[in-house]
């Protein structure tokens, strides 16, 4: 049973660490030279950037002095434009965009899952520890340091669960609608990128299911 619990916790925890490294190290998807060449050769019409849906419309970034494709936005934290930018994430110290959005969602999900496993598996034992302490005349002592550490660890999982639970609650539904955090307030037209199916929309971020 203990071995099973170790596997149950360590697998999502390791996946969370790996996803974090990928989210931090992966370029969010900047404006490429290939895109610039395409825009020049085709004399692409460039429109003014607005805080609204602009499907099939290249826009001009005054801060980068560059032509950018639809859904690209300027990240003030990195000083660069990112394709399908979602937001700047201080936790991963990187802008979240087209190329690393998947890893960001995985960080949020696997971190929540590993902490949930930790809390659920520790909670019954913590209940027994607290019950024993309540029966002791002077409460916990120095000799109970292992139980104190275990209790503190269990308590520490609670704010982590709340934080990453809220992150999942916020970002997963957006991915299922094929909308970014930047675009969430757009209301000038129905979402032109909504494929009409949550799985298809999610595949735009996570990739297609299967080989």
Protein backbone atom coordinates (compact mmCIF):
# COMPACT_ATOMS: atom_id res chain seq x y z
CA UNK A 1 0.00 0.00 0.00
CA UNK A 2 2.79 2.44 0.90
CA UNK A 3 4.57 1.67 -2.38
CA UNK A 4 1.35 2.33 -4.30
CA UNK A 5 0.90 5.69 -2.56
CA UNK A 6 4.48 6.64 -3.40
CA UNK A 7 3.87 5.92 -7.07
CA UNK A 8 0.51 7.72 -6.94
CA UNK A 9 2.22 10.88 -5.65
CA UNK A 10 5.59 10.77 -7.40
CA UNK A 11 4.28 10.24 -10.93
CA UNK A 12 2.19 13.46 -11.11
CA UNK A 13 4.82 15.32 -9.08
CA UNK A 14 7.58 14.42 -11.55
CA UNK A 15 5.27 15.29 -14.44
CA UNK A 16 4.60 18.65 -12.78
CA UNK A 17 8.34 19.35 -12.47
CA UNK A 18 8.99 18.34 -16.09
CA UNK A 19 6.06 20.45 -17.33
CA UNK A 20 7.32 23.43 -15.33
CA UNK A 21 10.74 23.17 -16.93
CA UNK A 22 9.16 22.96 -20.38
CA UNK A 23 6.85 25.93 -19.69
CA UNK A 24 9.79 27.98 -18.38
CA UNK A 25 12.33 27.09 -21.07
CA UNK A 26 10.11 26.95 -24.18
CA UNK A 27 9.79 30.08 -26.26
CA UNK A 28 6.10 31.09 -26.29
CA UNK A 29 6.17 31.58 -30.04
CA UNK A 30 7.55 34.88 -31.24
CA UNK A 31 7.18 36.56 -34.60
CA UNK A 32 9.34 34.58 -37.02
CA UNK A 33 11.36 35.77 -40.01
CA UNK A 34 9.37 33.37 -42.14
CA UNK A 35 6.19 35.24 -41.19
CA UNK A 36 7.78 38.62 -41.92
CA UNK A 37 8.91 37.38 -45.36
CA UNK A 38 5.42 36.08 -46.10
CA UNK A 39 3.84 39.39 -45.03
CA UNK A 40 6.19 41.38 -47.26
CA UNK A 41 5.94 39.15 -50.32
CA UNK A 42 2.14 39.03 -50.25
CA UNK A 43 1.69 42.73 -49.43
CA UNK A 44 -0.45 41.63 -46.52
CA UNK A 45 -2.97 44.17 -45.36
CA UNK A 46 -2.10 45.29 -41.86
CA UNK A 47 -4.82 46.62 -39.57
CA UNK A 48 -4.83 48.59 -36.36
CA UNK A 49 -4.60 46.48 -33.23
CA UNK A 50 -7.83 46.60 -31.21
CA UNK A 51 -9.06 44.96 -28.02
CA UNK A 52 -11.58 42.86 -29.92
CA UNK A 53 -11.81 39.84 -32.21
CA UNK A 54 -9.90 40.46 -35.46
CA UNK A 55 -10.03 37.15 -37.38
CA UNK A 56 -7.80 36.81 -40.45
CA UNK A 57 -6.32 40.23 -39.71
CA UNK A 58 -2.62 40.92 -39.34
CA UNK A 59 -1.91 43.83 -37.00
CA UNK A 60 0.92 46.28 -36.35
CA UNK A 61 2.70 46.35 -33.00
CA UNK A 62 3.84 49.89 -32.29
CA UNK A 63 6.07 48.73 -29.45
CA UNK A 64 7.95 46.13 -31.49
CA UNK A 65 7.51 47.98 -34.80
CA UNK A 66 6.60 44.67 -36.36
CA UNK A 67 3.78 42.99 -38.28
CA UNK A 68 2.16 40.22 -36.29
CA UNK A 69 -0.36 37.51 -37.19
CA UNK A 70 -3.88 37.28 -35.79
CA UNK A 71 -4.17 36.48 -32.07
CA UNK A 72 -0.60 37.68 -31.43
CA UNK A 73 -0.16 40.26 -28.67
CA UNK A 74 2.65 42.20 -27.05
CA UNK A 75 3.93 40.94 -23.71
CA UNK A 76 5.10 43.92 -21.65
CA UNK A 77 7.04 41.67 -19.25
CA UNK A 78 9.27 40.16 -21.95
CA UNK A 79 9.12 43.10 -24.35
CA UNK A 80 8.16 40.84 -27.27
CA UNK A 81 5.06 39.81 -29.16
CA UNK A 82 3.88 36.23 -28.74
CA UNK A 83 1.63 34.20 -31.00
CA UNK A 84 -1.73 33.38 -29.40
CA UNK A 85 -0.53 35.01 -26.21
CA UNK A 86 -2.45 34.02 -23.10
CA UNK A 87 -0.69 35.86 -20.27
CA UNK A 88 2.64 36.35 -18.53
CA UNK A 89 3.05 33.77 -15.78
CA UNK A 90 5.26 34.81 -12.83
CA UNK A 91 5.27 31.20 -11.57
CA UNK A 92 7.06 29.96 -14.70
CA UNK A 93 8.82 33.31 -15.30
CA UNK A 94 7.78 33.17 -18.92
CA UNK A 95 5.13 34.45 -21.29
CA UNK A 96 2.49 31.81 -22.07
CA UNK A 97 1.73 31.57 -25.76
CA UNK A 98 1.28 29.25 -28.72
CA UNK A 99 4.26 26.98 -28.07
CA UNK A 100 4.15 26.58 -24.27
CA UNK A 101 0.45 26.96 -23.37
CA UNK A 102 0.16 23.17 -23.21
CA UNK A 103 2.96 22.91 -20.65
CA UNK A 104 1.41 25.65 -18.52
CA UNK A 105 -1.89 23.73 -18.31
CA UNK A 106 0.02 20.57 -17.44
CA UNK A 107 1.89 22.35 -14.63
CA UNK A 108 -1.39 23.53 -13.13
CA UNK A 109 -3.08 20.13 -13.46
CA UNK A 110 -0.24 17.89 -12.28
CA UNK A 111 0.65 20.18 -9.36
CA UNK A 112 -2.97 20.16 -8.22
CA UNK A 113 -3.19 16.38 -8.64
CA UNK A 114 0.03 15.61 -6.73
CA UNK A 115 -1.01 17.86 -3.83
CA UNK A 116 -4.49 16.33 -3.81
CA UNK A 117 -2.96 12.87 -3.50
CA UNK A 118 -0.69 14.10 -0.69
CA UNK A 119 -3.58 15.68 1.21
CA UNK A 120 -5.99 12.75 0.81
CA UNK A 121 -3.40 10.16 1.87
CA UNK A 122 -2.16 12.21 4.85
CA UNK A 123 -5.50 13.45 6.16
CA UNK A 124 -6.57 10.23 7.96
CA UNK A 125 -3.20 9.95 9.68
CA UNK A 126 -3.31 13.63 10.68
CA UNK A 127 -6.74 13.02 12.20
CA UNK A 128 -5.28 10.24 14.36
CA UNK A 129 -2.32 12.42 15.37
CA UNK A 130 -4.56 15.32 16.39
CA UNK A 131 -6.80 12.94 18.33
CA UNK A 132 -3.77 11.56 20.21
CA UNK A 133 -2.50 15.06 20.98
CA UNK A 134 -5.90 16.00 22.35
CA UNK A 135 -5.66 13.12 24.80
CA UNK A 136 -2.18 14.14 25.98
CA UNK A 137 -2.02 16.40 29.00
CA UNK A 138 0.49 18.84 27.50
CA UNK A 139 -0.21 18.38 23.79
CA UNK A 140 2.61 17.64 21.33
CA UNK A 141 6.18 17.54 22.61
CA UNK A 142 9.64 17.68 21.03
CA UNK A 143 9.56 13.89 20.73
CA UNK A 144 6.58 14.27 18.39
CA UNK A 145 8.63 16.21 15.82
CA UNK A 146 7.89 13.73 13.03
CA UNK A 147 4.16 14.09 13.59
CA UNK A 148 4.54 17.89 13.75
CA UNK A 149 6.35 17.94 10.39
CA UNK A 150 3.75 15.65 8.86
CA UNK A 151 0.90 17.84 10.13
CA UNK A 152 2.59 21.01 8.87
CA UNK A 153 3.10 19.41 5.47
CA UNK A 154 -0.55 18.44 5.25
CA UNK A 155 -1.63 21.97 6.19
CA UNK A 156 0.78 23.42 3.59
CA UNK A 157 -0.97 21.49 0.81
CA UNK A 158 -4.24 23.38 1.44
CA UNK A 159 -3.25 26.81 0.01
CA UNK A 160 -1.49 25.04 -2.87
CA UNK A 161 -4.66 23.09 -3.63
CA UNK A 162 -6.71 26.29 -3.53
CA UNK A 163 -4.30 28.22 -5.77
CA UNK A 164 -3.88 25.57 -8.43
CA UNK A 165 -7.51 24.55 -8.20
CA UNK A 166 -8.46 28.12 -9.13
CA UNK A 167 -5.89 28.12 -11.94
CA UNK A 168 -7.41 24.97 -13.42
CA UNK A 169 -10.92 26.31 -12.94
CA UNK A 170 -9.95 29.46 -14.83
CA UNK A 171 -7.75 28.18 -17.66
CA UNK A 172 -9.16 24.76 -18.59
CA UNK A 173 -12.64 26.10 -19.53
CA UNK A 174 -10.96 28.81 -21.64
CA UNK A 175 -8.93 26.18 -23.48
CA UNK A 176 -12.14 24.19 -24.05
CA UNK A 177 -13.60 27.29 -25.70
CA UNK A 178 -10.42 28.08 -27.69
CA UNK A 179 -10.10 31.49 -26.07
CA UNK A 180 -7.08 33.03 -24.33
CA UNK A 181 -7.00 35.15 -21.20
CA UNK A 182 -6.36 38.20 -23.40
CA UNK A 183 -9.43 37.43 -25.52
CA UNK A 184 -11.77 36.51 -22.67
CA UNK A 185 -13.35 39.99 -22.59
CA UNK A 186 -13.86 40.33 -26.35
CA UNK A 187 -17.54 40.72 -27.24
CA UNK A 188 -17.68 42.39 -30.67
CA UNK A 189 -18.67 39.05 -32.26
CA UNK A 190 -18.98 35.35 -31.36
CA UNK A 191 -15.63 33.65 -30.88
CA UNK A 192 -14.47 33.00 -34.48
CA UNK A 193 -12.00 30.34 -33.34
CA UNK A 194 -14.52 28.19 -31.47
CA UNK A 195 -14.62 24.84 -33.30
CA UNK A 196 -17.93 23.94 -31.66
CA UNK A 197 -16.52 21.07 -29.61
CA UNK A 198 -14.55 21.15 -26.36
CA UNK A 199 -12.24 18.30 -27.40
CA UNK A 200 -11.43 19.94 -30.73
CA UNK A 201 -10.86 23.29 -29.03
CA UNK A 202 -8.61 21.71 -26.40
CA UNK A 203 -6.63 19.96 -29.14
CA UNK A 204 -5.65 23.40 -30.44
CA UNK A 205 -3.63 23.77 -27.24
CA UNK A 206 -2.78 20.20 -26.20
CA UNK A 207 -2.47 18.60 -29.64
CA UNK A 208 -4.53 15.81 -31.16
CA UNK A 209 -5.46 12.76 -29.11
CA UNK A 210 -3.65 9.56 -30.04
CA UNK A 211 -0.59 8.90 -32.19
